[in-house]
Amino acid sequence: MEIKVLGTGCANCKMLEKSVINALAEMDIAANVQKVEDIQKIMAYGVMRTPALVIDEKVVLSGRVPPIKEIKEIIEINK
């Protein structure tokens, strides 16, 4: 599973990255998590609001930091 957190380095972007890593650990799922901060790469996904979450090249969340419970549900649906 390939997971990307899109964001330019704001506090919410960092919080989403940390929450994703924690959710994966709690679910005992191995995934490659990358932080993408390059604005051109972010725009290539069609994301207008960050932070955003991309799982296996599909944008699954944009513009907010959900609770870990919701992140787990998103990961489960998209694995």
PDB file of N, CA and C in Angstrom:
ATOM      1  N   MET A   1       0.843  -1.174   0.000  1.00  0.00           N
ATOM      2  CA  MET A   1       0.000   0.000   0.000  1.00  0.00           C
ATOM      3  C   MET A   1       0.892   1.243   0.000  1.00  0.00           C
ATOM      4  N   GLU A   2       0.574   2.148  -0.883  1.00  0.00           N
ATOM      5  CA  GLU A   2       1.325   3.397  -1.045  1.00  0.00           C
ATOM      6  C   GLU A   2       0.427   4.547  -0.563  1.00  0.00           C
ATOM      7  N   ILE A   3       0.874   5.251   0.468  1.00  0.00           N
ATOM      8  CA  ILE A   3       0.088   6.353   1.022  1.00  0.00           C
ATOM      9  C   ILE A   3       0.912   7.632   0.944  1.00  0.00           C
ATOM     10  N   LYS A   4       0.277   8.698   0.459  1.00  0.00           N
ATOM     11  CA  LYS A   4       0.939  10.000   0.384  1.00  0.00           C
ATOM     12  C   LYS A   4       0.106  11.026   1.141  1.00  0.00           C
ATOM     13  N   VAL A   5       0.798  11.824   1.930  1.00  0.00           N
ATOM     14  CA  VAL A   5       0.168  12.947   2.603  1.00  0.00           C
ATOM     15  C   VAL A   5       0.615  14.193   1.845  1.00  0.00           C
ATOM     16  N   LEU A   6      -0.350  14.899   1.263  1.00  0.00           N
ATOM     17  CA  LEU A   6      -0.038  16.084   0.477  1.00  0.00           C
ATOM     18  C   LEU A   6      -0.235  17.324   1.330  1.00  0.00           C
ATOM     19  N   GLY A   7       0.789  18.167   1.347  1.00  0.00           N
ATOM     20  CA  GLY A   7       0.693  19.412   2.099  1.00  0.00           C
ATOM     21  C   GLY A   7       2.021  20.136   2.104  1.00  0.00           C
ATOM     22  N   THR A   8       1.960  21.446   2.232  1.00  0.00           N
ATOM     23  CA  THR A   8       3.163  22.262   2.107  1.00  0.00           C
ATOM     24  C   THR A   8       3.960  22.387   3.401  1.00  0.00           C
ATOM     25  N   GLY A   9       3.559  21.702   4.443  1.00  0.00           N
ATOM     26  CA  GLY A   9       4.322  21.732   5.686  1.00  0.00           C
ATOM     27  C   GLY A   9       3.603  22.423   6.831  1.00  0.00           C
ATOM     28  N   CYS A  10       2.329  22.723   6.672  1.00  0.00           N
ATOM     29  CA  CYS A  10       1.557  23.377   7.738  1.00  0.00           C
ATOM     30  C   CYS A  10       1.320  22.400   8.898  1.00  0.00           C
ATOM     31  N   ALA A  11       0.847  22.936  10.000  1.00  0.00           N
ATOM     32  CA  ALA A  11       0.603  22.113  11.188  1.00  0.00           C
ATOM     33  C   ALA A  11      -0.411  21.004  10.911  1.00  0.00           C
ATOM     34  N   ASN A  12      -1.471  21.307  10.158  1.00  0.00           N
ATOM     35  CA  ASN A  12      -2.471  20.278   9.843  1.00  0.00           C
ATOM     36  C   ASN A  12      -1.895  19.174   8.981  1.00  0.00           C
ATOM     37  N   CYS A  13      -1.009  19.532   8.058  1.00  0.00           N
ATOM     38  CA  CYS A  13      -0.381  18.522   7.203  1.00  0.00           C
ATOM     39  C   CYS A  13       0.468  17.571   8.042  1.00  0.00           C
ATOM     40  N   LYS A  14       1.225  18.125   8.965  1.00  0.00           N
ATOM     41  CA  LYS A  14       2.066  17.302   9.843  1.00  0.00           C
ATOM     42  C   LYS A  14       1.207  16.436  10.757  1.00  0.00           C
ATOM     43  N   MET A  15       0.072  16.991  11.222  1.00  0.00           N
ATOM     44  CA  MET A  15      -0.824  16.233  12.085  1.00  0.00           C
ATOM     45  C   MET A  15      -1.455  15.072  11.327  1.00  0.00           C
ATOM     46  N   LEU A  16      -1.838  15.289  10.065  1.00  0.00           N
ATOM     47  CA  LEU A  16      -2.413  14.204   9.266  1.00  0.00           C
ATOM     48  C   LEU A  16      -1.387  13.101   9.049  1.00  0.00           C
ATOM     49  N   GLU A  17      -0.157  13.473   8.739  1.00  0.00           N
ATOM     50  CA  GLU A  17       0.897  12.470   8.541  1.00  0.00           C
ATOM     51  C   GLU A  17       1.083  11.636   9.811  1.00  0.00           C
ATOM     52  N   LYS A  18       1.149  12.279  10.955  1.00  0.00           N
ATOM     53  CA  LYS A  18       1.326  11.568  12.221  1.00  0.00           C
ATOM     54  C   LYS A  18       0.127  10.662  12.506  1.00  0.00           C
ATOM     55  N   SER A  19      -1.070  11.151  12.254  1.00  0.00           N
ATOM     56  CA  SER A  19      -2.279  10.354  12.491  1.00  0.00           C
ATOM     57  C   SER A  19      -2.336   9.126  11.586  1.00  0.00           C
ATOM     58  N   VAL A  20      -1.930   9.283  10.331  1.00  0.00           N
ATOM     59  CA  VAL A  20      -1.904   8.152   9.396  1.00  0.00           C
ATOM     60  C   VAL A  20      -0.916   7.091   9.882  1.00  0.00           C
ATOM     61  N   ILE A  21       0.266   7.524  10.288  1.00  0.00           N
ATOM     62  CA  ILE A  21       1.280   6.582  10.779  1.00  0.00           C
ATOM     63  C   ILE A  21       0.769   5.855  12.028  1.00  0.00           C
ATOM     64  N   ASN A  22       0.124   6.591  12.939  1.00  0.00           N
ATOM     65  CA  ASN A  22      -0.428   5.971  14.149  1.00  0.00           C
ATOM     66  C   ASN A  22      -1.549   4.990  13.808  1.00  0.00           C
ATOM     67  N   ALA A  23      -2.416   5.358  12.887  1.00  0.00           N
ATOM     68  CA  ALA A  23      -3.515   4.480  12.489  1.00  0.00           C
ATOM     69  C   ALA A  23      -2.986   3.188  11.880  1.00  0.00           C
ATOM     70  N   LEU A  24      -1.979   3.302  11.019  1.00  0.00           N
ATOM     71  CA  LEU A  24      -1.385   2.109  10.404  1.00  0.00           C
ATOM     72  C   LEU A  24      -0.775   1.194  11.468  1.00  0.00           C
ATOM     73  N   ALA A  25      -0.105   1.793  12.449  1.00  0.00           N
ATOM     74  CA  ALA A  25       0.505   1.001  13.516  1.00  0.00           C
ATOM     75  C   ALA A  25      -0.557   0.279  14.336  1.00  0.00           C
ATOM     76  N   GLU A  26      -1.645   0.983  14.658  1.00  0.00           N
ATOM     77  CA  GLU A  26      -2.733   0.367  15.428  1.00  0.00           C
ATOM     78  C   GLU A  26      -3.415  -0.755  14.645  1.00  0.00           C
ATOM     79  N   MET A  27      -3.466  -0.613  13.327  1.00  0.00           N
ATOM     80  CA  MET A  27      -4.112  -1.617  12.481  1.00  0.00           C
ATOM     81  C   MET A  27      -3.145  -2.730  12.073  1.00  0.00           C
ATOM     82  N   ASP A  28      -1.873  -2.564  12.406  1.00  0.00           N
ATOM     83  CA  ASP A  28      -0.814  -3.510  12.035  1.00  0.00           C
ATOM     84  C   ASP A  28      -0.775  -3.723  10.520  1.00  0.00           C
ATOM     85  N   ILE A  29      -0.788  -2.600   9.794  1.00  0.00           N
ATOM     86  CA  ILE A  29      -0.721  -2.630   8.335  1.00  0.00           C
ATOM     87  C   ILE A  29       0.588  -1.985   7.897  1.00  0.00           C
ATOM     88  N   ALA A  30       1.309  -2.687   7.038  1.00  0.00           N
ATOM     89  CA  ALA A  30       2.546  -2.136   6.490  1.00  0.00           C
ATOM     90  C   ALA A  30       2.214  -1.307   5.255  1.00  0.00           C
ATOM     91  N   ALA A  31       2.732  -0.102   5.232  1.00  0.00           N
ATOM     92  CA  ALA A  31       2.496   0.774   4.082  1.00  0.00           C
ATOM     93  C   ALA A  31       3.674   1.718   3.935  1.00  0.00           C
ATOM     94  N   ASN A  32       3.886   2.157   2.730  1.00  0.00           N
ATOM     95  CA  ASN A  32       4.919   3.144   2.452  1.00  0.00           C
ATOM     96  C   ASN A  32       4.254   4.519   2.534  1.00  0.00           C
ATOM     97  N   VAL A  33       4.615   5.306   3.540  1.00  0.00           N
ATOM     98  CA  VAL A  33       4.013   6.628   3.736  1.00  0.00           C
ATOM     99  C   VAL A  33       5.012   7.693   3.305  1.00  0.00           C
ATOM    100  N   GLN A  34       4.568   8.549   2.403  1.00  0.00           N
ATOM    101  CA  GLN A  34       5.416   9.636   1.909  1.00  0.00           C
ATOM    102  C   GLN A  34       4.738  10.969   2.185  1.00  0.00           C
ATOM    103  N   LYS A  35       5.538  11.976   2.453  1.00  0.00           N
ATOM    104  CA  LYS A  35       5.039  13.344   2.606  1.00  0.00           C
ATOM    105  C   LYS A  35       5.406  14.084   1.333  1.00  0.00           C
ATOM    106  N   VAL A  36       4.421  14.655   0.651  1.00  0.00           N
ATOM    107  CA  VAL A  36       4.647  15.398  -0.590  1.00  0.00           C
ATOM    108  C   VAL A  36       4.398  16.874  -0.303  1.00  0.00           C
ATOM    109  N   GLU A  37       5.459  17.685  -0.412  1.00  0.00           N
ATOM    110  CA  GLU A  37       5.352  19.112  -0.113  1.00  0.00           C
ATOM    111  C   GLU A  37       5.490  19.994  -1.349  1.00  0.00           C
ATOM    112  N   ASP A  38       5.886  19.423  -2.467  1.00  0.00           N
ATOM    113  CA  ASP A  38       6.065  20.192  -3.700  1.00  0.00           C
ATOM    114  C   ASP A  38       4.701  20.601  -4.253  1.00  0.00           C
ATOM    115  N   ILE A  39       4.471  21.894  -4.363  1.00  0.00           N
ATOM    116  CA  ILE A  39       3.157  22.410  -4.771  1.00  0.00           C
ATOM    117  C   ILE A  39       2.757  21.926  -6.165  1.00  0.00           C
ATOM    118  N   GLN A  40       3.711  21.772  -7.073  1.00  0.00           N
ATOM    119  CA  GLN A  40       3.397  21.280  -8.420  1.00  0.00           C
ATOM    120  C   GLN A  40       2.902  19.835  -8.376  1.00  0.00           C
ATOM    121  N   LYS A  41       3.534  19.021  -7.543  1.00  0.00           N
ATOM    122  CA  LYS A  41       3.113  17.617  -7.412  1.00  0.00           C
ATOM    123  C   LYS A  41       1.735  17.527  -6.754  1.00  0.00           C
ATOM    124  N   ILE A  42       1.495  18.405  -5.770  1.00  0.00           N
ATOM    125  CA  ILE A  42       0.184  18.424  -5.113  1.00  0.00           C
ATOM    126  C   ILE A  42      -0.896  18.805  -6.121  1.00  0.00           C
ATOM    127  N   MET A  43      -0.639  19.832  -6.905  1.00  0.00           N
ATOM    128  CA  MET A  43      -1.607  20.289  -7.899  1.00  0.00           C
ATOM    129  C   MET A  43      -1.863  19.236  -8.972  1.00  0.00           C
ATOM    130  N   ALA A  44      -0.866  18.396  -9.242  1.00  0.00           N
ATOM    131  CA  ALA A  44      -1.027  17.340 -10.247  1.00  0.00           C
ATOM    132  C   ALA A  44      -2.124  16.348  -9.840  1.00  0.00           C
ATOM    133  N   TYR A  45      -2.400  16.250  -8.537  1.00  0.00           N
ATOM    134  CA  TYR A  45      -3.479  15.376  -8.059  1.00  0.00           C
ATOM    135  C   TYR A  45      -4.837  16.071  -8.116  1.00  0.00           C
ATOM    136  N   GLY A  46      -4.854  17.349  -8.495  1.00  0.00           N
ATOM    137  CA  GLY A  46      -6.098  18.095  -8.556  1.00  0.00           C
ATOM    138  C   GLY A  46      -6.573  18.565  -7.193  1.00  0.00           C
ATOM    139  N   VAL A  47      -5.680  18.548  -6.217  1.00  0.00           N
ATOM    140  CA  VAL A  47      -6.022  18.949  -4.856  1.00  0.00           C
ATOM    141  C   VAL A  47      -5.931  20.460  -4.733  1.00  0.00           C
ATOM    142  N   MET A  48      -7.014  21.074  -4.257  1.00  0.00           N
ATOM    143  CA  MET A  48      -7.024  22.520  -4.081  1.00  0.00           C
ATOM    144  C   MET A  48      -6.907  22.908  -2.606  1.00  0.00           C
ATOM    145  N   ARG A  49      -7.224  21.972  -1.714  1.00  0.00           N
ATOM    146  CA  ARG A  49      -7.133  22.239  -0.281  1.00  0.00           C
ATOM    147  C   ARG A  49      -6.320  21.148   0.393  1.00  0.00           C
ATOM    148  N   THR A  50      -5.352  21.567   1.182  1.00  0.00           N
ATOM    149  CA  THR A  50      -4.534  20.610   1.925  1.00  0.00           C
ATOM    150  C   THR A  50      -4.899  20.702   3.398  1.00  0.00           C
ATOM    151  N   PRO A  51      -4.591  19.683   4.172  1.00  0.00           N
ATOM    152  CA  PRO A  51      -3.882  18.481   3.772  1.00  0.00           C
ATOM    153  C   PRO A  51      -4.775  17.545   2.962  1.00  0.00           C
ATOM    154  N   ALA A  52      -4.127  16.677   2.229  1.00  0.00           N
ATOM    155  CA  ALA A  52      -4.861  15.678   1.449  1.00  0.00           C
ATOM    156  C   ALA A  52      -4.200  14.321   1.647  1.00  0.00           C
ATOM    157  N   LEU A  53      -4.990  13.285   1.470  1.00  0.00           N
ATOM    158  CA  LEU A  53      -4.513  11.928   1.640  1.00  0.00           C
ATOM    159  C   LEU A  53      -4.732  11.162   0.338  1.00  0.00           C
ATOM    160  N   VAL A  54      -3.672  10.520  -0.136  1.00  0.00           N
ATOM    161  CA  VAL A  54      -3.716   9.740  -1.374  1.00  0.00           C
ATOM    162  C   VAL A  54      -3.338   8.303  -1.040  1.00  0.00           C
ATOM    163  N   ILE A  55      -4.190   7.372  -1.417  1.00  0.00           N
ATOM    164  CA  ILE A  55      -3.898   5.952  -1.210  1.00  0.00           C
ATOM    165  C   ILE A  55      -3.858   5.285  -2.571  1.00  0.00           C
ATOM    166  N   ASP A  56      -2.718   4.682  -2.876  1.00  0.00           N
ATOM    167  CA  ASP A  56      -2.500   4.017  -4.165  1.00  0.00           C
ATOM    168  C   ASP A  56      -2.923   4.910  -5.332  1.00  0.00           C
ATOM    169  N   GLU A  57      -2.450   6.150  -5.291  1.00  0.00           N
ATOM    170  CA  GLU A  57      -2.637   7.172  -6.338  1.00  0.00           C
ATOM    171  C   GLU A  57      -4.081   7.664  -6.474  1.00  0.00           C
ATOM    172  N   LYS A  58      -4.929   7.410  -5.476  1.00  0.00           N
ATOM    173  CA  LYS A  58      -6.315   7.893  -5.485  1.00  0.00           C
ATOM    174  C   LYS A  58      -6.496   8.868  -4.323  1.00  0.00           C
ATOM    175  N   VAL A  59      -6.946  10.081  -4.617  1.00  0.00           N
ATOM    176  CA  VAL A  59      -7.206  11.068  -3.566  1.00  0.00           C
ATOM    177  C   VAL A  59      -8.444  10.629  -2.792  1.00  0.00           C
ATOM    178  N   VAL A  60      -8.275  10.383  -1.484  1.00  0.00           N
ATOM    179  CA  VAL A  60      -9.381   9.883  -0.676  1.00  0.00           C
ATOM    180  C   VAL A  60      -9.840  10.889   0.377  1.00  0.00           C
ATOM    181  N   LEU A  61      -9.084  11.973   0.549  1.00  0.00           N
ATOM    182  CA  LEU A  61      -9.423  12.975   1.563  1.00  0.00           C
ATOM    183  C   LEU A  61      -8.723  14.274   1.217  1.00  0.00           C
ATOM    184  N   SER A  62      -9.407  15.389   1.462  1.00  0.00           N
ATOM    185  CA  SER A  62      -8.805  16.684   1.161  1.00  0.00           C
ATOM    186  C   SER A  62      -9.399  17.767   2.054  1.00  0.00           C
ATOM    187  N   GLY A  63      -8.524  18.656   2.547  1.00  0.00           N
ATOM    188  CA  GLY A  63      -8.986  19.854   3.228  1.00  0.00           C
ATOM    189  C   GLY A  63      -9.251  19.760   4.712  1.00  0.00           C
ATOM    190  N   ARG A  64      -8.942  18.614   5.330  1.00  0.00           N
ATOM    191  CA  ARG A  64      -9.198  18.491   6.767  1.00  0.00           C
ATOM    192  C   ARG A  64      -8.384  17.361   7.373  1.00  0.00           C
ATOM    193  N   VAL A  65      -8.338  17.358   8.706  1.00  0.00           N
ATOM    194  CA  VAL A  65      -7.673  16.281   9.440  1.00  0.00           C
ATOM    195  C   VAL A  65      -8.753  15.535  10.227  1.00  0.00           C
ATOM    196  N   PRO A  66      -9.128  14.362   9.760  1.00  0.00           N
ATOM    197  CA  PRO A  66     -10.183  13.608  10.457  1.00  0.00           C
ATOM    198  C   PRO A  66      -9.618  12.907  11.701  1.00  0.00           C
ATOM    199  N   PRO A  67     -10.504  12.451  12.585  1.00  0.00           N
ATOM    200  CA  PRO A  67     -10.037  11.659  13.733  1.00  0.00           C
ATOM    201  C   PRO A  67      -9.421  10.343  13.262  1.00  0.00           C
ATOM    202  N   ILE A  68      -8.595   9.755  14.097  1.00  0.00           N
ATOM    203  CA  ILE A  68      -7.906   8.506  13.733  1.00  0.00           C
ATOM    204  C   ILE A  68      -8.912   7.414  13.360  1.00  0.00           C
ATOM    205  N   LYS A  69     -10.051   7.368  14.039  1.00  0.00           N
ATOM    206  CA  LYS A  69     -11.072   6.358  13.718  1.00  0.00           C
ATOM    207  C   LYS A  69     -11.486   6.459  12.251  1.00  0.00           C
ATOM    208  N   GLU A  70     -11.686   7.675  11.780  1.00  0.00           N
ATOM    209  CA  GLU A  70     -12.085   7.864  10.377  1.00  0.00           C
ATOM    210  C   GLU A  70     -10.933   7.531   9.429  1.00  0.00           C
ATOM    211  N   ILE A  71      -9.726   7.862   9.820  1.00  0.00           N
ATOM    212  CA  ILE A  71      -8.554   7.518   8.997  1.00  0.00           C
ATOM    213  C   ILE A  71      -8.467   6.000   8.845  1.00  0.00           C
ATOM    214  N   LYS A  72      -8.692   5.275   9.926  1.00  0.00           N
ATOM    215  CA  LYS A  72      -8.674   3.809   9.862  1.00  0.00           C
ATOM    216  C   LYS A  72      -9.734   3.294   8.892  1.00  0.00           C
ATOM    217  N   GLU A  73     -10.920   3.879   8.945  1.00  0.00           N
ATOM    218  CA  GLU A  73     -11.996   3.455   8.036  1.00  0.00           C
ATOM    219  C   GLU A  73     -11.609   3.723   6.581  1.00  0.00           C
ATOM    220  N   ILE A  74     -11.008   4.870   6.325  1.00  0.00           N
ATOM    221  CA  ILE A  74     -10.573   5.217   4.965  1.00  0.00           C
ATOM    222  C   ILE A  74      -9.518   4.223   4.484  1.00  0.00           C
ATOM    223  N   ILE A  75      -8.571   3.896   5.345  1.00  0.00           N
ATOM    224  CA  ILE A  75      -7.519   2.944   4.982  1.00  0.00           C
ATOM    225  C   ILE A  75      -8.134   1.572   4.715  1.00  0.00           C
ATOM    226  N   GLU A  76      -9.044   1.144   5.579  1.00  0.00           N
ATOM    227  CA  GLU A  76      -9.676  -0.172   5.422  1.00  0.00           C
ATOM    228  C   GLU A  76     -10.440  -0.269   4.103  1.00  0.00           C
ATOM    229  N   ILE A  77     -11.178   0.770   3.763  1.00  0.00           N
ATOM    230  CA  ILE A  77     -11.953   0.775   2.519  1.00  0.00           C
ATOM    231  C   ILE A  77     -11.049   0.738   1.293  1.00  0.00           C
ATOM    232  N   ASN A  78      -9.886   1.363   1.401  1.00  0.00           N
ATOM    233  CA  ASN A  78      -9.015   1.535   0.229  1.00  0.00           C
ATOM    234  C   ASN A  78      -7.833   0.580   0.169  1.00  0.00           C
ATOM    235  N   LYS A  79      -7.793  -0.412   1.072  1.00  0.00           N
ATOM    236  CA  LYS A  79      -6.641  -1.330   1.010  1.00  0.00           C
ATOM    237  C   LYS A  79      -6.856  -2.472   0.048  1.00  0.00           C
TER     238      LYS A  79
END
